Structures are given as C-alpha cells and as structure tokens.
Amino acid sequence: MTEPVKLCKDCVWYKKSWFDHLIGSGDRYDMCLNPVLSENLVTGKVKGGRLCYTMRLYSGGCGHDGEYWEARK
C-alpha cells in the first residue's frame, strides 16, 4: 500500500501567506518555518522561513518525499 502524498499545507511548519491569497497570487509565497531548514547557521535564529515550493523542489529542503514533513496535530 502506498503512503499518501505529504503536502506542505498539512505540515506543522507550513504558514499560509494570506495577503497573497487574498490578492490572487495563490500559494506562491507560502512559507516553510521548519527550524532545520530555515535556521541561520551562523546565528541560530529562524527568520522568516523559506518558500515552500523552493524547499520541496530543490536539494537542501524536504524534497519530493517530504523528508522534514511533520503532520499537524
């Protein structure tokens, strides 16, 4: 049996950009706030997160398999 697709919108680290949603930009600027992916490696601070689509498409993020994905509670 195959596992369901791990969607960013179902992840605990997902933050919707409501402003862009309301003006019709869709989900282009939704953010991933996972501290492992968004952390500044020099200071250790999480500042603003990173774009979800970037984290899923390119290496260094969750990837297609959702490596750092965590279910919402």
PDB file of N, CA and C in Angstrom:
ATOM      1  N   MET A   1       0.843  -1.180   0.000  1.00  0.00           N
ATOM      2  CA  MET A   1       0.000   0.000   0.000  1.00  0.00           C
ATOM      3  C   MET A   1       0.889   1.245   0.000  1.00  0.00           C
ATOM      4  N   THR A   2       0.547   2.216  -0.816  1.00  0.00           N
ATOM      5  CA  THR A   2       1.374   3.416  -0.918  1.00  0.00           C
ATOM      6  C   THR A   2       0.982   4.442   0.143  1.00  0.00           C
ATOM      7  N   GLU A   3       1.976   5.193   0.573  1.00  0.00           N
ATOM      8  CA  GLU A   3       1.725   6.259   1.550  1.00  0.00           C
ATOM      9  C   GLU A   3       1.076   7.448   0.846  1.00  0.00           C
ATOM     10  N   PRO A   4       0.236   8.191   1.564  1.00  0.00           N
ATOM     11  CA  PRO A   4      -0.347   9.397   0.946  1.00  0.00           C
ATOM     12  C   PRO A   4       0.738  10.449   0.711  1.00  0.00           C
ATOM     13  N   VAL A   5       0.502  11.329  -0.240  1.00  0.00           N
ATOM     14  CA  VAL A   5       1.450  12.390  -0.551  1.00  0.00           C
ATOM     15  C   VAL A   5       1.525  13.350   0.639  1.00  0.00           C
ATOM     16  N   LYS A   6       2.727  13.726   1.007  1.00  0.00           N
ATOM     17  CA  LYS A   6       2.927  14.660   2.117  1.00  0.00           C
ATOM     18  C   LYS A   6       2.873  16.082   1.561  1.00  0.00           C
ATOM     19  N   LEU A   7       1.739  16.736   1.742  1.00  0.00           N
ATOM     20  CA  LEU A   7       1.545  18.090   1.233  1.00  0.00           C
ATOM     21  C   LEU A   7       1.995  19.121   2.258  1.00  0.00           C
ATOM     22  N   CYS A   8       2.594  20.188   1.779  1.00  0.00           N
ATOM     23  CA  CYS A   8       3.052  21.251   2.683  1.00  0.00           C
ATOM     24  C   CYS A   8       1.901  21.812   3.510  1.00  0.00           C
ATOM     25  N   LYS A   9       0.724  21.948   2.924  1.00  0.00           N
ATOM     26  CA  LYS A   9      -0.411  22.537   3.643  1.00  0.00           C
ATOM     27  C   LYS A   9      -0.838  21.696   4.845  1.00  0.00           C
ATOM     28  N   ASP A  10      -0.427  20.443   4.890  1.00  0.00           N
ATOM     29  CA  ASP A  10      -0.757  19.558   6.007  1.00  0.00           C
ATOM     30  C   ASP A  10       0.383  19.438   7.015  1.00  0.00           C
ATOM     31  N   CYS A  11       1.445  20.192   6.829  1.00  0.00           N
ATOM     32  CA  CYS A  11       2.628  20.131   7.699  1.00  0.00           C
ATOM     33  C   CYS A  11       2.515  21.157   8.828  1.00  0.00           C
ATOM     34  N   VAL A  12       3.042  20.814   9.977  1.00  0.00           N
ATOM     35  CA  VAL A  12       3.015  21.692  11.141  1.00  0.00           C
ATOM     36  C   VAL A  12       3.840  22.968  10.914  1.00  0.00           C
ATOM     37  N   TRP A  13       4.820  22.932  10.020  1.00  0.00           N
ATOM     38  CA  TRP A  13       5.714  24.071   9.789  1.00  0.00           C
ATOM     39  C   TRP A  13       5.222  25.004   8.691  1.00  0.00           C
ATOM     40  N   TYR A  14       4.081  24.716   8.100  1.00  0.00           N
ATOM     41  CA  TYR A  14       3.534  25.496   6.985  1.00  0.00           C
ATOM     42  C   TYR A  14       2.864  26.773   7.486  1.00  0.00           C
ATOM     43  N   LYS A  15       3.097  27.879   6.769  1.00  0.00           N
ATOM     44  CA  LYS A  15       2.410  29.130   7.080  1.00  0.00           C
ATOM     45  C   LYS A  15       1.901  29.731   5.777  1.00  0.00           C
ATOM     46  N   LYS A  16       0.593  29.894   5.706  1.00  0.00           N
ATOM     47  CA  LYS A  16      -0.051  30.444   4.513  1.00  0.00           C
ATOM     48  C   LYS A  16       0.170  31.947   4.440  1.00  0.00           C
ATOM     49  N   SER A  17       0.459  32.438   3.255  1.00  0.00           N
ATOM     50  CA  SER A  17       0.567  33.875   3.019  1.00  0.00           C
ATOM     51  C   SER A  17      -0.823  34.383   2.657  1.00  0.00           C
ATOM     52  N   TRP A  18      -1.559  34.826   3.661  1.00  0.00           N
ATOM     53  CA  TRP A  18      -2.950  35.238   3.444  1.00  0.00           C
ATOM     54  C   TRP A  18      -3.066  36.464   2.564  1.00  0.00           C
ATOM     55  N   PHE A  19      -2.121  37.381   2.665  1.00  0.00           N
ATOM     56  CA  PHE A  19      -2.161  38.576   1.824  1.00  0.00           C
ATOM     57  C   PHE A  19      -2.115  38.190   0.349  1.00  0.00           C
ATOM     58  N   ASP A  20      -1.164  37.334  -0.014  1.00  0.00           N
ATOM     59  CA  ASP A  20      -1.051  36.911  -1.410  1.00  0.00           C
ATOM     60  C   ASP A  20      -2.251  36.081  -1.849  1.00  0.00           C
ATOM     61  N   HIS A  21      -2.798  35.310  -0.939  1.00  0.00           N
ATOM     62  CA  HIS A  21      -4.003  34.535  -1.252  1.00  0.00           C
ATOM     63  C   HIS A  21      -5.178  35.470  -1.569  1.00  0.00           C
ATOM     64  N   LEU A  22      -5.322  36.533  -0.780  1.00  0.00           N
ATOM     65  CA  LEU A  22      -6.434  37.463  -0.963  1.00  0.00           C
ATOM     66  C   LEU A  22      -6.316  38.307  -2.229  1.00  0.00           C
ATOM     67  N   ILE A  23      -5.089  38.630  -2.645  1.00  0.00           N
ATOM     68  CA  ILE A  23      -4.926  39.443  -3.855  1.00  0.00           C
ATOM     69  C   ILE A  23      -4.817  38.589  -5.120  1.00  0.00           C
ATOM     70  N   GLY A  24      -4.918  37.268  -4.963  1.00  0.00           N
ATOM     71  CA  GLY A  24      -4.960  36.394  -6.127  1.00  0.00           C
ATOM     72  C   GLY A  24      -3.637  35.801  -6.571  1.00  0.00           C
ATOM     73  N   SER A  25      -2.601  35.903  -5.752  1.00  0.00           N
ATOM     74  CA  SER A  25      -1.305  35.328  -6.129  1.00  0.00           C
ATOM     75  C   SER A  25      -1.214  33.838  -5.844  1.00  0.00           C
ATOM     76  N   GLY A  26      -2.229  33.289  -5.213  1.00  0.00           N
ATOM     77  CA  GLY A  26      -2.243  31.855  -4.938  1.00  0.00           C
ATOM     78  C   GLY A  26      -1.328  31.467  -3.794  1.00  0.00           C
ATOM     79  N   ASP A  27      -0.617  30.364  -3.966  1.00  0.00           N
ATOM     80  CA  ASP A  27       0.222  29.839  -2.889  1.00  0.00           C
ATOM     81  C   ASP A  27       1.712  30.044  -3.148  1.00  0.00           C
ATOM     82  N   ARG A  28       2.048  30.932  -4.035  1.00  0.00           N
ATOM     83  CA  ARG A  28       3.438  31.148  -4.423  1.00  0.00           C
ATOM     84  C   ARG A  28       4.334  31.570  -3.262  1.00  0.00           C
ATOM     85  N   TYR A  29       3.802  32.328  -2.311  1.00  0.00           N
ATOM     86  CA  TYR A  29       4.624  32.856  -1.221  1.00  0.00           C
ATOM     87  C   TYR A  29       4.336  32.200   0.127  1.00  0.00           C
ATOM     88  N   ASP A  30       3.759  31.009   0.131  1.00  0.00           N
ATOM     89  CA  ASP A  30       3.558  30.275   1.380  1.00  0.00           C
ATOM     90  C   ASP A  30       4.923  29.860   1.922  1.00  0.00           C
ATOM     91  N   MET A  31       5.053  29.864   3.242  1.00  0.00           N
ATOM     92  CA  MET A  31       6.366  29.690   3.859  1.00  0.00           C
ATOM     93  C   MET A  31       6.506  28.378   4.629  1.00  0.00           C
ATOM     94  N   CYS A  32       7.734  27.880   4.662  1.00  0.00           N
ATOM     95  CA  CYS A  32       8.116  26.751   5.497  1.00  0.00           C
ATOM     96  C   CYS A  32       8.929  27.323   6.657  1.00  0.00           C
ATOM     97  N   LEU A  33       8.464  27.094   7.882  1.00  0.00           N
ATOM     98  CA  LEU A  33       9.131  27.640   9.066  1.00  0.00           C
ATOM     99  C   LEU A  33       9.872  26.574   9.863  1.00  0.00           C
ATOM    100  N   ASN A  34      10.192  25.456   9.227  1.00  0.00           N
ATOM    101  CA  ASN A  34      10.927  24.388   9.902  1.00  0.00           C
ATOM    102  C   ASN A  34      12.298  24.917  10.328  1.00  0.00           C
ATOM    103  N   PRO A  35      12.638  24.823  11.617  1.00  0.00           N
ATOM    104  CA  PRO A  35      13.907  25.377  12.086  1.00  0.00           C
ATOM    105  C   PRO A  35      15.130  24.703  11.458  1.00  0.00           C
ATOM    106  N   VAL A  36      15.017  23.456  11.078  1.00  0.00           N
ATOM    107  CA  VAL A  36      16.140  22.767  10.442  1.00  0.00           C
ATOM    108  C   VAL A  36      16.438  23.368   9.073  1.00  0.00           C
ATOM    109  N   LEU A  37      15.403  23.772   8.356  1.00  0.00           N
ATOM    110  CA  LEU A  37      15.562  24.298   7.003  1.00  0.00           C
ATOM    111  C   LEU A  37      15.703  25.807   6.944  1.00  0.00           C
ATOM    112  N   SER A  38      15.130  26.512   7.907  1.00  0.00           N
ATOM    113  CA  SER A  38      15.056  27.971   7.849  1.00  0.00           C
ATOM    114  C   SER A  38      16.072  28.669   8.743  1.00  0.00           C
ATOM    115  N   GLU A  39      16.772  27.911   9.521  1.00  0.00           N
ATOM    116  CA  GLU A  39      17.672  28.494  10.514  1.00  0.00           C
ATOM    117  C   GLU A  39      18.908  29.117   9.873  1.00  0.00           C
ATOM    118  N   ASN A  40      19.308  30.243  10.400  1.00  0.00           N
ATOM    119  CA  ASN A  40      20.562  30.863  10.022  1.00  0.00           C
ATOM    120  C   ASN A  40      21.660  30.062  10.717  1.00  0.00           C
ATOM    121  N   LEU A  41      22.518  29.430   9.976  1.00  0.00           N
ATOM    122  CA  LEU A  41      23.529  28.552  10.561  1.00  0.00           C
ATOM    123  C   LEU A  41      24.619  29.304  11.312  1.00  0.00           C
ATOM    124  N   VAL A  42      24.675  30.615  11.163  1.00  0.00           N
ATOM    125  CA  VAL A  42      25.655  31.412  11.895  1.00  0.00           C
ATOM    126  C   VAL A  42      25.100  31.835  13.248  1.00  0.00           C
ATOM    127  N   THR A  43      23.870  32.367  13.259  1.00  0.00           N
ATOM    128  CA  THR A  43      23.304  32.894  14.498  1.00  0.00           C
ATOM    129  C   THR A  43      22.359  31.935  15.191  1.00  0.00           C
ATOM    130  N   GLY A  44      21.823  30.957  14.461  1.00  0.00           N
ATOM    131  CA  GLY A  44      20.878  30.004  15.041  1.00  0.00           C
ATOM    132  C   GLY A  44      19.451  30.508  15.100  1.00  0.00           C
ATOM    133  N   LYS A  45      19.187  31.669  14.518  1.00  0.00           N
ATOM    134  CA  LYS A  45      17.843  32.250  14.560  1.00  0.00           C
ATOM    135  C   LYS A  45      17.033  31.839  13.334  1.00  0.00           C
ATOM    136  N   VAL A  46      15.746  31.607  13.557  1.00  0.00           N
ATOM    137  CA  VAL A  46      14.817  31.351  12.461  1.00  0.00           C
ATOM    138  C   VAL A  46      14.205  32.688  12.093  1.00  0.00           C
ATOM    139  N   LYS A  47      14.461  33.137  10.873  1.00  0.00           N
ATOM    140  CA  LYS A  47      13.971  34.446  10.486  1.00  0.00           C
ATOM    141  C   LYS A  47      13.172  34.342   9.197  1.00  0.00           C
ATOM    142  N   GLY A  48      11.862  34.364   9.317  1.00  0.00           N
ATOM    143  CA  GLY A  48      11.009  34.451   8.151  1.00  0.00           C
ATOM    144  C   GLY A  48      10.729  33.169   7.399  1.00  0.00           C
ATOM    145  N   GLY A  49      11.530  32.164   7.546  1.00  0.00           N
ATOM    146  CA  GLY A  49      11.305  30.914   6.840  1.00  0.00           C
ATOM    147  C   GLY A  49      11.744  30.982   5.393  1.00  0.00           C
ATOM    148  N   ARG A  50      11.375  29.951   4.646  1.00  0.00           N
ATOM    149  CA  ARG A  50      11.704  29.864   3.229  1.00  0.00           C
ATOM    150  C   ARG A  50      10.455  29.471   2.454  1.00  0.00           C
ATOM    151  N   LEU A  51      10.443  29.741   1.184  1.00  0.00           N
ATOM    152  CA  LEU A  51       9.284  29.435   0.356  1.00  0.00           C
ATOM    153  C   LEU A  51       9.079  27.928   0.253  1.00  0.00           C
ATOM    154  N   CYS A  52       7.842  27.492   0.428  1.00  0.00           N
ATOM    155  CA  CYS A  52       7.523  26.059   0.400  1.00  0.00           C
ATOM    156  C   CYS A  52       7.934  25.397  -0.902  1.00  0.00           C
ATOM    157  N   TYR A  53       7.601  26.026  -2.022  1.00  0.00           N
ATOM    158  CA  TYR A  53       7.898  25.360  -3.289  1.00  0.00           C
ATOM    159  C   TYR A  53       9.396  25.191  -3.489  1.00  0.00           C
ATOM    160  N   THR A  54      10.201  26.121  -2.972  1.00  0.00           N
ATOM    161  CA  THR A  54      11.650  26.006  -3.072  1.00  0.00           C
ATOM    162  C   THR A  54      12.160  24.843  -2.224  1.00  0.00           C
ATOM    163  N   MET A  55      11.608  24.703  -1.022  1.00  0.00           N
ATOM    164  CA  MET A  55      12.034  23.625  -0.129  1.00  0.00           C
ATOM    165  C   MET A  55      11.678  22.247  -0.673  1.00  0.00           C
ATOM    166  N   ARG A  56      10.603  22.148  -1.444  1.00  0.00           N
ATOM    167  CA  ARG A  56      10.190  20.858  -1.986  1.00  0.00           C
ATOM    168  C   ARG A  56      10.877  20.520  -3.303  1.00  0.00           C
ATOM    169  N   LEU A  57      11.234  21.508  -4.095  1.00  0.00           N
ATOM    170  CA  LEU A  57      11.787  21.244  -5.420  1.00  0.00           C
ATOM    171  C   LEU A  57      13.298  21.071  -5.455  1.00  0.00           C
ATOM    172  N   TYR A  58      14.025  21.758  -4.587  1.00  0.00           N
ATOM    173  CA  TYR A  58      15.478  21.775  -4.695  1.00  0.00           C
ATOM    174  C   TYR A  58      16.142  21.040  -3.540  1.00  0.00           C
ATOM    175  N   SER A  59      17.373  20.622  -3.762  1.00  0.00           N
ATOM    176  CA  SER A  59      18.103  19.904  -2.712  1.00  0.00           C
ATOM    177  C   SER A  59      18.358  20.836  -1.529  1.00  0.00           C
ATOM    178  N   GLY A  60      18.469  20.263  -0.363  1.00  0.00           N
ATOM    179  CA  GLY A  60      18.663  21.049   0.846  1.00  0.00           C
ATOM    180  C   GLY A  60      17.379  21.264   1.615  1.00  0.00           C
ATOM    181  N   GLY A  61      16.256  20.928   1.018  1.00  0.00           N
ATOM    182  CA  GLY A  61      14.967  21.067   1.685  1.00  0.00           C
ATOM    183  C   GLY A  61      14.333  19.704   1.900  1.00  0.00           C
ATOM    184  N   CYS A  62      13.041  19.668   1.974  1.00  0.00           N
ATOM    185  CA  CYS A  62      12.308  18.413   2.173  1.00  0.00           C
ATOM    186  C   CYS A  62      12.404  17.483   0.974  1.00  0.00           C
ATOM    187  N   GLY A  63      12.463  18.046  -0.196  1.00  0.00           N
ATOM    188  CA  GLY A  63      12.465  17.237  -1.403  1.00  0.00           C
ATOM    189  C   GLY A  63      11.065  16.711  -1.710  1.00  0.00           C
ATOM    190  N   HIS A  64      10.968  15.927  -2.751  1.00  0.00           N
ATOM    191  CA  HIS A  64       9.671  15.387  -3.174  1.00  0.00           C
ATOM    192  C   HIS A  64       9.087  14.433  -2.140  1.00  0.00           C
ATOM    193  N   ASP A  65       9.937  13.794  -1.354  1.00  0.00           N
ATOM    194  CA  ASP A  65       9.469  12.815  -0.367  1.00  0.00           C
ATOM    195  C   ASP A  65       9.022  13.443   0.948  1.00  0.00           C
ATOM    196  N   GLY A  66       9.262  14.739   1.130  1.00  0.00           N
ATOM    197  CA  GLY A  66       8.876  15.404   2.372  1.00  0.00           C
ATOM    198  C   GLY A  66       9.693  14.923   3.564  1.00  0.00           C
ATOM    199  N   GLU A  67      11.008  14.954   3.426  1.00  0.00           N
ATOM    200  CA  GLU A  67      11.911  14.426   4.445  1.00  0.00           C
ATOM    201  C   GLU A  67      11.707  15.040   5.834  1.00  0.00           C
ATOM    202  N   TYR A  68      11.477  16.356   5.893  1.00  0.00           N
ATOM    203  CA  TYR A  68      11.302  17.040   7.190  1.00  0.00           C
ATOM    204  C   TYR A  68       9.833  17.309   7.516  1.00  0.00           C
ATOM    205  N   TRP A  69       8.927  16.746   6.756  1.00  0.00           N
ATOM    206  CA  TRP A  69       7.494  16.966   6.919  1.00  0.00           C
ATOM    207  C   TRP A  69       7.020  16.360   8.235  1.00  0.00           C
ATOM    208  N   GLU A  70       6.197  17.126   8.984  1.00  0.00           N
ATOM    209  CA  GLU A  70       5.592  16.638  10.230  1.00  0.00           C
ATOM    210  C   GLU A  70       4.099  16.948  10.184  1.00  0.00           C
ATOM    211  N   ALA A  71       3.290  15.973  10.525  1.00  0.00           N
ATOM    212  CA  ALA A  71       1.833  16.141  10.460  1.00  0.00           C
ATOM    213  C   ALA A  71       1.344  17.152  11.494  1.00  0.00           C
ATOM    214  N   ARG A  72       0.326  17.907  11.110  1.00  0.00           N
ATOM    215  CA  ARG A  72      -0.345  18.799  12.072  1.00  0.00           C
ATOM    216  C   ARG A  72      -1.077  17.962  13.090  1.00  0.00           C
ATOM    217  N   LYS A  73      -1.239  18.495  14.270  1.00  0.00           N
ATOM    218  CA  LYS A  73      -1.945  17.761  15.328  1.00  0.00           C
ATOM    219  C   LYS A  73      -3.378  18.170  15.414  1.00  0.00           C
TER     220      LYS A  73
END
